[in-house]
């Protein structure tokens, strides 16, 4: 996976809302992008107990 946005900005991680034991079905649904040097001490509204992979 290429961890860059369309404009070339680097991405540190992506947290996905949906998970599956099957590789081709994992990392789906909504994604929360984490950029390098981000300081996010809490999950944004709507993401509590939601990030899975």
PDB file of N, CA and C in Angstrom:
ATOM      1  N   UNK A   1       0.838  -1.180   0.000  1.00  0.00           N
ATOM      2  CA  UNK A   1       0.000   0.000   0.000  1.00  0.00           C
ATOM      3  C   UNK A   1       0.884   1.245   0.000  1.00  0.00           C
ATOM      4  N   UNK A   2       0.499   2.220  -0.759  1.00  0.00           N
ATOM      5  CA  UNK A   2       1.239   3.472  -0.829  1.00  0.00           C
ATOM      6  C   UNK A   2       0.660   4.432   0.198  1.00  0.00           C
ATOM      7  N   UNK A   3       1.472   4.823   1.167  1.00  0.00           N
ATOM      8  CA  UNK A   3       0.983   5.706   2.219  1.00  0.00           C
ATOM      9  C   UNK A   3       1.231   7.166   1.871  1.00  0.00           C
ATOM     10  N   UNK A   4       0.660   7.573   0.754  1.00  0.00           N
ATOM     11  CA  UNK A   4       0.691   8.976   0.325  1.00  0.00           C
ATOM     12  C   UNK A   4      -0.687   9.338  -0.215  1.00  0.00           C
ATOM     13  N   UNK A   5      -1.072  10.594  -0.015  1.00  0.00           N
ATOM     14  CA  UNK A   5      -2.338  11.066  -0.571  1.00  0.00           C
ATOM     15  C   UNK A   5      -2.145  11.364  -2.052  1.00  0.00           C
ATOM     16  N   UNK A   6      -3.211  11.722  -2.733  1.00  0.00           N
ATOM     17  CA  UNK A   6      -3.152  12.032  -4.161  1.00  0.00           C
ATOM     18  C   UNK A   6      -2.199  13.187  -4.450  1.00  0.00           C
ATOM     19  N   UNK A   7      -2.059  14.123  -3.508  1.00  0.00           N
ATOM     20  CA  UNK A   7      -1.167  15.265  -3.743  1.00  0.00           C
ATOM     21  C   UNK A   7       0.263  15.008  -3.254  1.00  0.00           C
ATOM     22  N   UNK A   8       0.564  13.789  -2.799  1.00  0.00           N
ATOM     23  CA  UNK A   8       1.918  13.435  -2.400  1.00  0.00           C
ATOM     24  C   UNK A   8       2.223  13.560  -0.921  1.00  0.00           C
ATOM     25  N   UNK A   9       1.274  14.050  -0.116  1.00  0.00           N
ATOM     26  CA  UNK A   9       1.477  14.175   1.322  1.00  0.00           C
ATOM     27  C   UNK A   9       1.638  12.784   1.939  1.00  0.00           C
ATOM     28  N   UNK A  10       2.637  12.623   2.805  1.00  0.00           N
ATOM     29  CA  UNK A  10       2.865  11.333   3.460  1.00  0.00           C
ATOM     30  C   UNK A  10       1.798  11.062   4.520  1.00  0.00           C
ATOM     31  N   UNK A  11       1.495   9.789   4.708  1.00  0.00           N
ATOM     32  CA  UNK A  11       0.552   9.337   5.728  1.00  0.00           C
ATOM     33  C   UNK A  11       1.302   8.397   6.660  1.00  0.00           C
ATOM     34  N   UNK A  12       1.138   8.573   7.966  1.00  0.00           N
ATOM     35  CA  UNK A  12       1.793   7.712   8.945  1.00  0.00           C
ATOM     36  C   UNK A  12       1.020   6.397   9.100  1.00  0.00           C
ATOM     37  N   UNK A  13      -0.314   6.496   9.177  1.00  0.00           N
ATOM     38  CA  UNK A  13      -1.150   5.307   9.358  1.00  0.00           C
ATOM     39  C   UNK A  13      -2.579   5.610   8.935  1.00  0.00           C
ATOM     40  N   UNK A  14      -3.327   4.544   8.687  1.00  0.00           N
ATOM     41  CA  UNK A  14      -4.761   4.659   8.432  1.00  0.00           C
ATOM     42  C   UNK A  14      -5.455   3.641   9.327  1.00  0.00           C
ATOM     43  N   UNK A  15      -6.439   4.086  10.074  1.00  0.00           N
ATOM     44  CA  UNK A  15      -7.231   3.199  10.924  1.00  0.00           C
ATOM     45  C   UNK A  15      -8.567   2.982  10.230  1.00  0.00           C
ATOM     46  N   UNK A  16      -8.976   1.730  10.113  1.00  0.00           N
ATOM     47  CA  UNK A  16     -10.211   1.401   9.406  1.00  0.00           C
ATOM     48  C   UNK A  16     -11.306   0.979  10.378  1.00  0.00           C
ATOM     49  N   UNK A  17     -12.550   1.245   9.985  1.00  0.00           N
ATOM     50  CA  UNK A  17     -13.695   0.926  10.829  1.00  0.00           C
ATOM     51  C   UNK A  17     -14.099  -0.542  10.725  1.00  0.00           C
ATOM     52  N   UNK A  18     -13.898  -1.167   9.576  1.00  0.00           N
ATOM     53  CA  UNK A  18     -14.355  -2.541   9.360  1.00  0.00           C
ATOM     54  C   UNK A  18     -13.169  -3.491   9.266  1.00  0.00           C
ATOM     55  N   UNK A  19     -13.352  -4.687   9.783  1.00  0.00           N
ATOM     56  CA  UNK A  19     -12.315  -5.704   9.747  1.00  0.00           C
ATOM     57  C   UNK A  19     -12.953  -7.034   9.383  1.00  0.00           C
ATOM     58  N   UNK A  20     -12.152  -7.942   8.915  1.00  0.00           N
ATOM     59  CA  UNK A  20     -12.618  -9.271   8.554  1.00  0.00           C
ATOM     60  C   UNK A  20     -11.452 -10.239   8.712  1.00  0.00           C
ATOM     61  N   UNK A  21     -11.711 -11.499   9.027  1.00  0.00           N
ATOM     62  CA  UNK A  21     -10.626 -12.474   9.086  1.00  0.00           C
ATOM     63  C   UNK A  21     -10.089 -12.815   7.692  1.00  0.00           C
ATOM     64  N   UNK A  22     -10.801 -12.407   6.649  1.00  0.00           N
ATOM     65  CA  UNK A  22     -10.388 -12.673   5.276  1.00  0.00           C
ATOM     66  C   UNK A  22      -9.612 -11.482   4.733  1.00  0.00           C
ATOM     67  N   UNK A  23      -8.396 -11.734   4.266  1.00  0.00           N
ATOM     68  CA  UNK A  23      -7.489 -10.665   3.839  1.00  0.00           C
ATOM     69  C   UNK A  23      -8.118  -9.727   2.814  1.00  0.00           C
ATOM     70  N   UNK A  24      -8.830 -10.272   1.836  1.00  0.00           N
ATOM     71  CA  UNK A  24      -9.397  -9.431   0.781  1.00  0.00           C
ATOM     72  C   UNK A  24     -10.592  -8.605   1.251  1.00  0.00           C
ATOM     73  N   UNK A  25     -11.067  -8.844   2.482  1.00  0.00           N
ATOM     74  CA  UNK A  25     -12.204  -8.090   3.005  1.00  0.00           C
ATOM     75  C   UNK A  25     -11.829  -7.224   4.212  1.00  0.00           C
ATOM     76  N   UNK A  26     -10.552  -7.219   4.577  1.00  0.00           N
ATOM     77  CA  UNK A  26     -10.145  -6.421   5.732  1.00  0.00           C
ATOM     78  C   UNK A  26      -9.868  -4.980   5.319  1.00  0.00           C
ATOM     79  N   UNK A  27      -9.707  -4.124   6.286  1.00  0.00           N
ATOM     80  CA  UNK A  27      -9.371  -2.716   6.050  1.00  0.00           C
ATOM     81  C   UNK A  27     -10.408  -2.039   5.170  1.00  0.00           C
ATOM     82  N   UNK A  28     -11.654  -2.099   5.592  1.00  0.00           N
ATOM     83  CA  UNK A  28     -12.724  -1.484   4.826  1.00  0.00           C
ATOM     84  C   UNK A  28     -13.487  -0.473   5.648  1.00  0.00           C
ATOM     85  N   UNK A  29     -14.471   0.106   5.026  1.00  0.00           N
ATOM     86  CA  UNK A  29     -15.303   1.102   5.689  1.00  0.00           C
ATOM     87  C   UNK A  29     -14.595   2.434   5.813  1.00  0.00           C
ATOM     88  N   UNK A  30     -15.045   3.221   6.743  1.00  0.00           N
ATOM     89  CA  UNK A  30     -14.467   4.550   6.956  1.00  0.00           C
ATOM     90  C   UNK A  30     -13.011   4.420   7.388  1.00  0.00           C
ATOM     91  N   UNK A  31     -12.199   5.396   7.006  1.00  0.00           N
ATOM     92  CA  UNK A  31     -10.780   5.391   7.373  1.00  0.00           C
ATOM     93  C   UNK A  31     -10.426   6.686   8.081  1.00  0.00           C
ATOM     94  N   UNK A  32      -9.632   6.563   9.125  1.00  0.00           N
ATOM     95  CA  UNK A  32      -9.123   7.712   9.862  1.00  0.00           C
ATOM     96  C   UNK A  32      -7.641   7.823   9.532  1.00  0.00           C
ATOM     97  N   UNK A  33      -7.249   8.899   8.862  1.00  0.00           N
ATOM     98  CA  UNK A  33      -5.867   9.090   8.423  1.00  0.00           C
ATOM     99  C   UNK A  33      -5.072   9.782   9.522  1.00  0.00           C
ATOM    100  N   UNK A  34      -3.885   9.251   9.817  1.00  0.00           N
ATOM    101  CA  UNK A  34      -2.982   9.833  10.807  1.00  0.00           C
ATOM    102  C   UNK A  34      -1.726  10.301  10.068  1.00  0.00           C
ATOM    103  N   UNK A  35      -1.444  11.591  10.145  1.00  0.00           N
ATOM    104  CA  UNK A  35      -0.289  12.165   9.455  1.00  0.00           C
ATOM    105  C   UNK A  35       0.933  12.159  10.368  1.00  0.00           C
ATOM    106  N   UNK A  36       2.145  12.125   9.796  1.00  0.00           N
ATOM    107  CA  UNK A  36       3.360  12.162  10.614  1.00  0.00           C
ATOM    108  C   UNK A  36       3.378  13.385  11.536  1.00  0.00           C
ATOM    109  N   UNK A  37       3.920  13.200  12.717  1.00  0.00           N
ATOM    110  CA  UNK A  37       4.032  14.254  13.736  1.00  0.00           C
ATOM    111  C   UNK A  37       2.688  14.765  14.245  1.00  0.00           C
ATOM    112  N   UNK A  38       1.615  14.016  14.003  1.00  0.00           N
ATOM    113  CA  UNK A  38       0.307  14.400  14.535  1.00  0.00           C
ATOM    114  C   UNK A  38       0.273  14.136  16.033  1.00  0.00           C
ATOM    115  N   UNK A  39      -0.353  15.002  16.760  1.00  0.00           N
ATOM    116  CA  UNK A  39      -0.542  14.807  18.190  1.00  0.00           C
ATOM    117  C   UNK A  39      -2.038  14.787  18.439  1.00  0.00           C
ATOM    118  N   UNK A  40      -2.594  13.595  18.451  1.00  0.00           N
ATOM    119  CA  UNK A  40      -4.033  13.434  18.624  1.00  0.00           C
ATOM    120  C   UNK A  40      -4.239  12.549  19.847  1.00  0.00           C
ATOM    121  N   UNK A  41      -4.392  13.156  21.025  1.00  0.00           N
ATOM    122  CA  UNK A  41      -4.474  12.365  22.253  1.00  0.00           C
ATOM    123  C   UNK A  41      -5.829  11.682  22.478  1.00  0.00           C
ATOM    124  N   UNK A  42      -6.767  11.886  21.585  1.00  0.00           N
ATOM    125  CA  UNK A  42      -8.085  11.265  21.727  1.00  0.00           C
ATOM    126  C   UNK A  42      -8.617  10.935  20.341  1.00  0.00           C
ATOM    127  N   UNK A  43      -9.571  10.018  20.295  1.00  0.00           N
ATOM    128  CA  UNK A  43     -10.184   9.651  19.020  1.00  0.00           C
ATOM    129  C   UNK A  43     -11.248  10.688  18.666  1.00  0.00           C
ATOM    130  N   UNK A  44     -11.366  11.045  17.398  1.00  0.00           N
ATOM    131  CA  UNK A  44     -12.396  11.996  16.983  1.00  0.00           C
ATOM    132  C   UNK A  44     -13.798  11.453  17.254  1.00  0.00           C
ATOM    133  N   UNK A  45     -14.754  12.349  17.332  1.00  0.00           N
ATOM    134  CA  UNK A  45     -16.152  11.982  17.574  1.00  0.00           C
ATOM    135  C   UNK A  45     -16.593  10.924  16.555  1.00  0.00           C
ATOM    136  N   UNK A  46     -17.258   9.895  17.034  1.00  0.00           N
ATOM    137  CA  UNK A  46     -17.754   8.833  16.178  1.00  0.00           C
ATOM    138  C   UNK A  46     -16.785   7.665  15.996  1.00  0.00           C
ATOM    139  N   UNK A  47     -15.563   7.771  16.533  1.00  0.00           N
ATOM    140  CA  UNK A  47     -14.579   6.706  16.375  1.00  0.00           C
ATOM    141  C   UNK A  47     -14.360   5.900  17.656  1.00  0.00           C
ATOM    142  N   UNK A  48     -15.030   6.203  18.735  1.00  0.00           N
ATOM    143  CA  UNK A  48     -14.856   5.458  19.985  1.00  0.00           C
ATOM    144  C   UNK A  48     -15.214   3.988  19.761  1.00  0.00           C
ATOM    145  N   UNK A  49     -14.308   3.092  20.110  1.00  0.00           N
ATOM    146  CA  UNK A  49     -14.499   1.640  19.980  1.00  0.00           C
ATOM    147  C   UNK A  49     -14.814   1.229  18.548  1.00  0.00           C
ATOM    148  N   UNK A  50     -14.286   1.965  17.569  1.00  0.00           N
ATOM    149  CA  UNK A  50     -14.606   1.677  16.176  1.00  0.00           C
ATOM    150  C   UNK A  50     -13.405   1.217  15.361  1.00  0.00           C
ATOM    151  N   UNK A  51     -12.222   1.740  15.622  1.00  0.00           N
ATOM    152  CA  UNK A  51     -11.041   1.361  14.843  1.00  0.00           C
ATOM    153  C   UNK A  51     -10.705  -0.105  15.033  1.00  0.00           C
ATOM    154  N   UNK A  52     -10.504  -0.822  13.932  1.00  0.00           N
ATOM    155  CA  UNK A  52     -10.278  -2.256  14.059  1.00  0.00           C
ATOM    156  C   UNK A  52      -8.994  -2.738  13.407  1.00  0.00           C
ATOM    157  N   UNK A  53      -8.496  -2.040  12.431  1.00  0.00           N
ATOM    158  CA  UNK A  53      -7.309  -2.548  11.738  1.00  0.00           C
ATOM    159  C   UNK A  53      -6.532  -1.419  11.113  1.00  0.00           C
TER     160      UNK A  53
END
